Amino acid sequence: MASTGKVIAGTGTSVAPGDLAWTDPGNVTVDDISVASCGDLQPPNDSEYLVATNFGLTIPTDATIDGVITYRWLYQDNLAHVILRDLILFKAGSPVGLDQGPNASLILEGGGQAEESRGSASDLWNLSGTLTPAYCNASDFGWGIRVDSIGGVDIEICYCDYMKIEVFYTEEEPPPSTPFFPRYPTMNARW
């Protein structure tokens, strides 16, 4: 099984539905201290999708997609109570497949920071037969997150430093080679 390796997004956008747009969503395209942020997260307000696309993948066209892992560096202010509401693949601006976010996990409550991932080398996100090399290589393929708040005493802010993807695939085995025997003209010599 081969892999694209962890590839960072080429484009980050804030996409409806949701109550609050992300500020500076393009900052998820670089692994540095510049972040996308979504503030004023208080019930019932939730964020729009922060969507990462344009990964520039070049999976061979004869490959079979085996699984997808998403990676993000997501954190919140101290004492915030922000939860991951949705985490789902995107195609052509719309969510597709299995939502891997609705377990309402807290995003490192207390201001901690760490890379987190969802999916696996064998997880097709309920898109078996749909995930093809052409589908994954397209510039409009990607993934998105939405966040929500379970309430707190202050205005709550969520930050995202980067969003990456890794696609696992198996290349088709080439057919066995046939030995080459050159054809020589027969000699019909007459003596």
C-alpha atoms as a PDB file:
ATOM      1  CA  MET A   1       0.000   0.000   0.000  1.00  0.00           C
ATOM      2  CA  ALA A   2       1.286   3.438  -0.960  1.00  0.00           C
ATOM      3  CA  SER A   3       0.469   6.853   0.501  1.00  0.00           C
ATOM      4  CA  THR A   4       0.507  10.476  -0.586  1.00  0.00           C
ATOM      5  CA  GLY A   5       2.107  11.358   2.747  1.00  0.00           C
ATOM      6  CA  LYS A   6       0.664  14.227   4.774  1.00  0.00           C
ATOM      7  CA  VAL A   7      -0.209  16.990   2.290  1.00  0.00           C
ATOM      8  CA  ILE A   8      -1.213  20.481   3.430  1.00  0.00           C
ATOM      9  CA  ALA A   9      -4.196  22.245   1.849  1.00  0.00           C
ATOM     10  CA  GLY A  10      -3.675  24.695  -0.984  1.00  0.00           C
ATOM     11  CA  THR A  11      -6.925  26.552  -0.235  1.00  0.00           C
ATOM     12  CA  GLY A  12      -8.931  27.260   2.933  1.00  0.00           C
ATOM     13  CA  THR A  13     -12.449  28.737   2.879  1.00  0.00           C
ATOM     14  CA  SER A  14     -15.387  29.348   5.209  1.00  0.00           C
ATOM     15  CA  VAL A  15     -18.504  27.641   3.822  1.00  0.00           C
ATOM     16  CA  ALA A  16     -22.166  27.863   4.968  1.00  0.00           C
ATOM     17  CA  PRO A  17     -24.209  26.583   6.726  1.00  0.00           C
ATOM     18  CA  GLY A  18     -23.376  27.911  10.147  1.00  0.00           C
ATOM     19  CA  ASP A  19     -23.840  31.081  12.168  1.00  0.00           C
ATOM     20  CA  LEU A  20     -20.252  32.350  12.328  1.00  0.00           C
ATOM     21  CA  ALA A  21     -17.733  32.635   9.485  1.00  0.00           C
ATOM     22  CA  TRP A  22     -14.080  31.758  10.022  1.00  0.00           C
ATOM     23  CA  THR A  23     -11.657  34.684   9.911  1.00  0.00           C
ATOM     24  CA  ASP A  24      -8.571  34.209   7.710  1.00  0.00           C
ATOM     25  CA  PRO A  25      -9.471  30.667   6.545  1.00  0.00           C
ATOM     26  CA  GLY A  26      -6.581  30.743   4.058  1.00  0.00           C
ATOM     27  CA  ASN A  27      -4.149  30.523   6.974  1.00  0.00           C
ATOM     28  CA  VAL A  28      -4.726  26.735   7.180  1.00  0.00           C
ATOM     29  CA  THR A  29      -2.502  26.331   4.103  1.00  0.00           C
ATOM     30  CA  VAL A  30       0.734  26.905   6.019  1.00  0.00           C
ATOM     31  CA  ASP A  31       2.068  25.121   9.101  1.00  0.00           C
ATOM     32  CA  ASP A  32       3.097  28.199  11.106  1.00  0.00           C
ATOM     33  CA  ILE A  33       1.683  30.469  13.806  1.00  0.00           C
ATOM     34  CA  SER A  34      -0.841  32.200  11.495  1.00  0.00           C
ATOM     35  CA  VAL A  35      -4.293  30.769  12.207  1.00  0.00           C
ATOM     36  CA  ALA A  36      -7.869  30.749  11.025  1.00  0.00           C
ATOM     37  CA  SER A  37     -10.206  31.639  13.865  1.00  0.00           C
ATOM     38  CA  CYS A  38     -13.874  31.558  14.753  1.00  0.00           C
ATOM     39  CA  GLY A  39     -15.001  33.692  17.669  1.00  0.00           C
ATOM     40  CA  ASP A  40     -18.122  34.490  19.669  1.00  0.00           C
ATOM     41  CA  LEU A  41     -18.948  30.798  19.980  1.00  0.00           C
ATOM     42  CA  GLN A  42     -21.804  30.813  22.467  1.00  0.00           C
ATOM     43  CA  PRO A  43     -24.923  28.627  22.256  1.00  0.00           C
ATOM     44  CA  PRO A  44     -26.816  28.572  19.954  1.00  0.00           C
ATOM     45  CA  ASN A  45     -24.125  29.958  17.576  1.00  0.00           C
ATOM     46  CA  ASP A  46     -21.963  27.470  15.713  1.00  0.00           C
ATOM     47  CA  SER A  47     -19.301  27.945  13.075  1.00  0.00           C
ATOM     48  CA  GLU A  48     -19.508  27.598   9.336  1.00  0.00           C
ATOM     49  CA  TYR A  49     -17.422  24.812   7.826  1.00  0.00           C
ATOM     50  CA  LEU A  50     -13.713  25.517   7.619  1.00  0.00           C
ATOM     51  CA  VAL A  51     -12.958  23.683   4.369  1.00  0.00           C
ATOM     52  CA  ALA A  52      -9.525  22.655   3.090  1.00  0.00           C
ATOM     53  CA  THR A  53      -9.174  21.796  -0.628  1.00  0.00           C
ATOM     54  CA  ASN A  54      -6.694  21.981  -3.497  1.00  0.00           C
ATOM     55  CA  PHE A  55      -4.200  19.471  -2.075  1.00  0.00           C
ATOM     56  CA  GLY A  56      -2.493  18.896  -5.420  1.00  0.00           C
ATOM     57  CA  LEU A  57      -2.647  15.107  -5.083  1.00  0.00           C
ATOM     58  CA  THR A  58      -1.243  13.003  -7.929  1.00  0.00           C
ATOM     59  CA  ILE A  59      -2.463   9.486  -7.198  1.00  0.00           C
ATOM     60  CA  PRO A  60      -1.851   7.172 -10.193  1.00  0.00           C
ATOM     61  CA  THR A  61      -5.004   6.772 -12.288  1.00  0.00           C
ATOM     62  CA  ASP A  62      -4.934   2.958 -12.115  1.00  0.00           C
ATOM     63  CA  ALA A  63      -4.770   2.876  -8.284  1.00  0.00           C
ATOM     64  CA  THR A  64      -7.474   1.756  -5.844  1.00  0.00           C
ATOM     65  CA  ILE A  65      -8.148   4.105  -2.920  1.00  0.00           C
ATOM     66  CA  ASP A  66      -7.817   2.270   0.416  1.00  0.00           C
ATOM     67  CA  GLY A  67      -8.370   4.991   3.016  1.00  0.00           C
ATOM     68  CA  VAL A  68      -8.135   8.650   4.049  1.00  0.00           C
ATOM     69  CA  ILE A  69      -6.724  10.344   7.159  1.00  0.00           C
ATOM     70  CA  THR A  70      -7.272  14.028   7.948  1.00  0.00           C
ATOM     71  CA  TYR A  71      -4.904  15.992  10.206  1.00  0.00           C
ATOM     72  CA  ARG A  72      -5.506  19.313  11.932  1.00  0.00           C
ATOM     73  CA  TRP A  73      -3.917  21.563  14.516  1.00  0.00           C
ATOM     74  CA  LEU A  74      -6.974  22.895  16.306  1.00  0.00           C
ATOM     75  CA  TYR A  75      -7.079  24.619  19.675  1.00  0.00           C
ATOM     76  CA  GLN A  76      -9.079  27.083  21.774  1.00  0.00           C
ATOM     77  CA  ASP A  77      -8.691  29.796  24.365  1.00  0.00           C
ATOM     78  CA  ASN A  78      -8.077  28.879  27.987  1.00  0.00           C
ATOM     79  CA  LEU A  79     -11.230  27.829  29.809  1.00  0.00           C
ATOM     80  CA  ALA A  80     -13.171  27.587  26.548  1.00  0.00           C
ATOM     81  CA  HIS A  81     -15.640  24.758  25.960  1.00  0.00           C
ATOM     82  CA  VAL A  82     -15.471  24.323  22.200  1.00  0.00           C
ATOM     83  CA  ILE A  83     -16.465  20.987  20.677  1.00  0.00           C
ATOM     84  CA  LEU A  84     -15.835  19.480  17.277  1.00  0.00           C
ATOM     85  CA  ARG A  85     -19.321  19.316  15.770  1.00  0.00           C
ATOM     86  CA  ASP A  86     -18.611  17.969  12.273  1.00  0.00           C
ATOM     87  CA  LEU A  87     -15.599  16.612  10.418  1.00  0.00           C
ATOM     88  CA  ILE A  88     -16.406  15.387   6.920  1.00  0.00           C
ATOM     89  CA  LEU A  89     -14.956  15.066   3.438  1.00  0.00           C
ATOM     90  CA  PHE A  90     -15.951  17.664   0.825  1.00  0.00           C
ATOM     91  CA  LYS A  91     -16.398  17.485  -2.947  1.00  0.00           C
ATOM     92  CA  ALA A  92     -17.400  20.444  -5.145  1.00  0.00           C
ATOM     93  CA  GLY A  93     -18.294  22.578  -2.118  1.00  0.00           C
ATOM     94  CA  SER A  94     -20.591  20.022  -0.441  1.00  0.00           C
ATOM     95  CA  PRO A  95     -20.070  17.552   2.417  1.00  0.00           C
ATOM     96  CA  VAL A  96     -19.911  13.878   1.358  1.00  0.00           C
ATOM     97  CA  GLY A  97     -19.564  10.548   3.136  1.00  0.00           C
ATOM     98  CA  LEU A  98     -19.432   9.735   6.837  1.00  0.00           C
ATOM     99  CA  ASP A  99     -19.265  12.605   9.341  1.00  0.00           C
ATOM    100  CA  GLN A 100     -16.455  11.706  11.755  1.00  0.00           C
ATOM    101  CA  GLY A 101     -17.016  14.611  14.140  1.00  0.00           C
ATOM    102  CA  PRO A 102     -20.341  14.234  15.932  1.00  0.00           C
ATOM    103  CA  ASN A 103     -18.910  12.533  19.002  1.00  0.00           C
ATOM    104  CA  ALA A 104     -18.801  16.055  20.490  1.00  0.00           C
ATOM    105  CA  SER A 105     -15.180  15.762  21.586  1.00  0.00           C
ATOM    106  CA  LEU A 106     -13.785  18.776  23.408  1.00  0.00           C
ATOM    107  CA  ILE A 107     -11.000  20.517  21.535  1.00  0.00           C
ATOM    108  CA  LEU A 108      -8.183  20.374  24.048  1.00  0.00           C
ATOM    109  CA  GLU A 109     -10.015  22.177  26.804  1.00  0.00           C
ATOM    110  CA  GLY A 110      -7.784  24.538  28.723  1.00  0.00           C
ATOM    111  CA  GLY A 111      -5.765  25.800  25.784  1.00  0.00           C
ATOM    112  CA  GLY A 112      -3.603  22.733  25.080  1.00  0.00           C
ATOM    113  CA  GLN A 113      -2.356  22.184  21.549  1.00  0.00           C
ATOM    114  CA  ALA A 114      -1.670  19.027  19.563  1.00  0.00           C
ATOM    115  CA  GLU A 115      -2.146  17.569  16.111  1.00  0.00           C
ATOM    116  CA  GLU A 116      -5.241  15.400  15.882  1.00  0.00           C
ATOM    117  CA  SER A 117      -6.358  13.041  13.142  1.00  0.00           C
ATOM    118  CA  ARG A 118      -9.459  11.177  11.982  1.00  0.00           C
ATOM    119  CA  GLY A 119      -9.789   8.250   9.613  1.00  0.00           C
ATOM    120  CA  SER A 120      -7.320   5.475   8.869  1.00  0.00           C
ATOM    121  CA  ALA A 121      -5.405   3.779   6.064  1.00  0.00           C
ATOM    122  CA  SER A 122      -8.473   1.570   5.528  1.00  0.00           C
ATOM    123  CA  ASP A 123     -11.276   4.093   6.203  1.00  0.00           C
ATOM    124  CA  LEU A 124     -13.234   5.058   3.069  1.00  0.00           C
ATOM    125  CA  TRP A 125     -15.647   7.343   4.992  1.00  0.00           C
ATOM    126  CA  ASN A 126     -18.682   5.424   3.582  1.00  0.00           C
ATOM    127  CA  LEU A 127     -17.605   6.351   0.049  1.00  0.00           C
ATOM    128  CA  SER A 128     -16.557   2.915  -1.188  1.00  0.00           C
ATOM    129  CA  GLY A 129     -16.658   2.939  -4.991  1.00  0.00           C
ATOM    130  CA  THR A 130     -16.795   6.754  -5.056  1.00  0.00           C
ATOM    131  CA  LEU A 131     -13.267   7.539  -3.956  1.00  0.00           C
ATOM    132  CA  THR A 132     -11.213   7.143  -7.126  1.00  0.00           C
ATOM    133  CA  PRO A 133      -7.869   8.676  -8.055  1.00  0.00           C
ATOM    134  CA  ALA A 134      -9.624  11.249 -10.266  1.00  0.00           C
ATOM    135  CA  TYR A 135     -12.031  12.115  -7.424  1.00  0.00           C
ATOM    136  CA  CYS A 136      -9.200  12.582  -4.893  1.00  0.00           C
ATOM    137  CA  ASN A 137      -6.816  14.350  -7.311  1.00  0.00           C
ATOM    138  CA  ALA A 138      -9.433  16.998  -8.175  1.00  0.00           C
ATOM    139  CA  SER A 139      -8.805  20.488  -6.797  1.00  0.00           C
ATOM    140  CA  ASP A 140     -12.331  20.591  -5.255  1.00  0.00           C
ATOM    141  CA  PHE A 141     -11.754  17.466  -3.104  1.00  0.00           C
ATOM    142  CA  GLY A 142     -10.978  18.047   0.555  1.00  0.00           C
ATOM    143  CA  TRP A 143     -12.472  18.069   4.024  1.00  0.00           C
ATOM    144  CA  GLY A 144     -14.048  20.437   6.511  1.00  0.00           C
ATOM    145  CA  ILE A 145     -14.820  20.990  10.184  1.00  0.00           C
ATOM    146  CA  ARG A 146     -17.492  22.814  12.136  1.00  0.00           C
ATOM    147  CA  VAL A 147     -17.188  23.731  15.804  1.00  0.00           C
ATOM    148  CA  ASP A 148     -19.717  24.573  18.465  1.00  0.00           C
ATOM    149  CA  SER A 149     -19.741  25.630  22.105  1.00  0.00           C
ATOM    150  CA  ILE A 150     -21.182  23.882  25.120  1.00  0.00           C
ATOM    151  CA  GLY A 151     -21.217  27.179  26.973  1.00  0.00           C
ATOM    152  CA  GLY A 152     -18.802  28.978  29.194  1.00  0.00           C
ATOM    153  CA  VAL A 153     -18.368  32.222  31.030  1.00  0.00           C
ATOM    154  CA  ASP A 154     -16.570  34.120  28.284  1.00  0.00           C
ATOM    155  CA  ILE A 155     -16.713  34.508  24.540  1.00  0.00           C
ATOM    156  CA  GLU A 156     -15.107  31.387  23.163  1.00  0.00           C
ATOM    157  CA  ILE A 157     -12.697  31.327  20.246  1.00  0.00           C
ATOM    158  CA  CYS A 158     -11.427  28.359  18.245  1.00  0.00           C
ATOM    159  CA  TYR A 159      -8.208  28.448  16.194  1.00  0.00           C
ATOM    160  CA  CYS A 160      -6.926  26.237  13.386  1.00  0.00           C
ATOM    161  CA  ASP A 161      -3.284  26.426  12.321  1.00  0.00           C
ATOM    162  CA  TYR A 162      -3.287  23.901   9.461  1.00  0.00           C
ATOM    163  CA  MET A 163      -5.296  21.172   7.729  1.00  0.00           C
ATOM    164  CA  LYS A 164      -3.661  18.202   5.971  1.00  0.00           C
ATOM    165  CA  ILE A 165      -4.787  15.018   4.261  1.00  0.00           C
ATOM    166  CA  GLU A 166      -3.198  11.650   3.552  1.00  0.00           C
ATOM    167  CA  VAL A 167      -4.681   9.232   1.034  1.00  0.00           C
ATOM    168  CA  PHE A 168      -3.674   5.558   0.989  1.00  0.00           C
ATOM    169  CA  TYR A 169      -3.889   3.570  -2.224  1.00  0.00           C
ATOM    170  CA  THR A 170      -2.842   0.353  -3.920  1.00  0.00           C
ATOM    171  CA  GLU A 171      -1.412   0.510  -7.406  1.00  0.00           C
ATOM    172  CA  GLU A 172      -2.526  -2.026  -9.982  1.00  0.00           C
ATOM    173  CA  GLU A 173       0.041  -4.743 -10.561  1.00  0.00           C
ATOM    174  CA  PRO A 174       1.497  -4.599 -14.067  1.00  0.00           C
ATOM    175  CA  PRO A 175       0.843  -7.687 -16.192  1.00  0.00           C
ATOM    176  CA  PRO A 176       3.680 -10.159 -16.290  1.00  0.00           C
ATOM    177  CA  SER A 177       6.079  -9.507 -19.075  1.00  0.00           C
ATOM    178  CA  THR A 178       6.189 -11.865 -22.015  1.00  0.00           C
ATOM    179  CA  PRO A 179       9.658 -12.853 -23.139  1.00  0.00           C
ATOM    180  CA  PHE A 180      10.609 -11.449 -26.499  1.00  0.00           C
ATOM    181  CA  PHE A 181      11.832 -13.836 -29.137  1.00  0.00           C
ATOM    182  CA  PRO A 182      12.957 -12.070 -32.265  1.00  0.00           C
ATOM    183  CA  ARG A 183      11.758 -13.585 -35.468  1.00  0.00           C
ATOM    184  CA  TYR A 184      14.494 -14.459 -37.850  1.00  0.00           C
ATOM    185  CA  PRO A 185      13.799 -15.185 -41.488  1.00  0.00           C
ATOM    186  CA  THR A 186      14.358 -18.753 -42.398  1.00  0.00           C
ATOM    187  CA  MET A 187      17.114 -19.404 -44.792  1.00  0.00           C
ATOM    188  CA  ASN A 188      16.042 -21.413 -47.765  1.00  0.00           C
ATOM    189  CA  ALA A 189      19.395 -21.842 -49.224  1.00  0.00           C
ATOM    190  CA  ARG A 190      19.746 -23.999 -52.259  1.00  0.00           C
ATOM    191  CA  TRP A 191      23.016 -25.586 -52.855  1.00  0.00           C
END
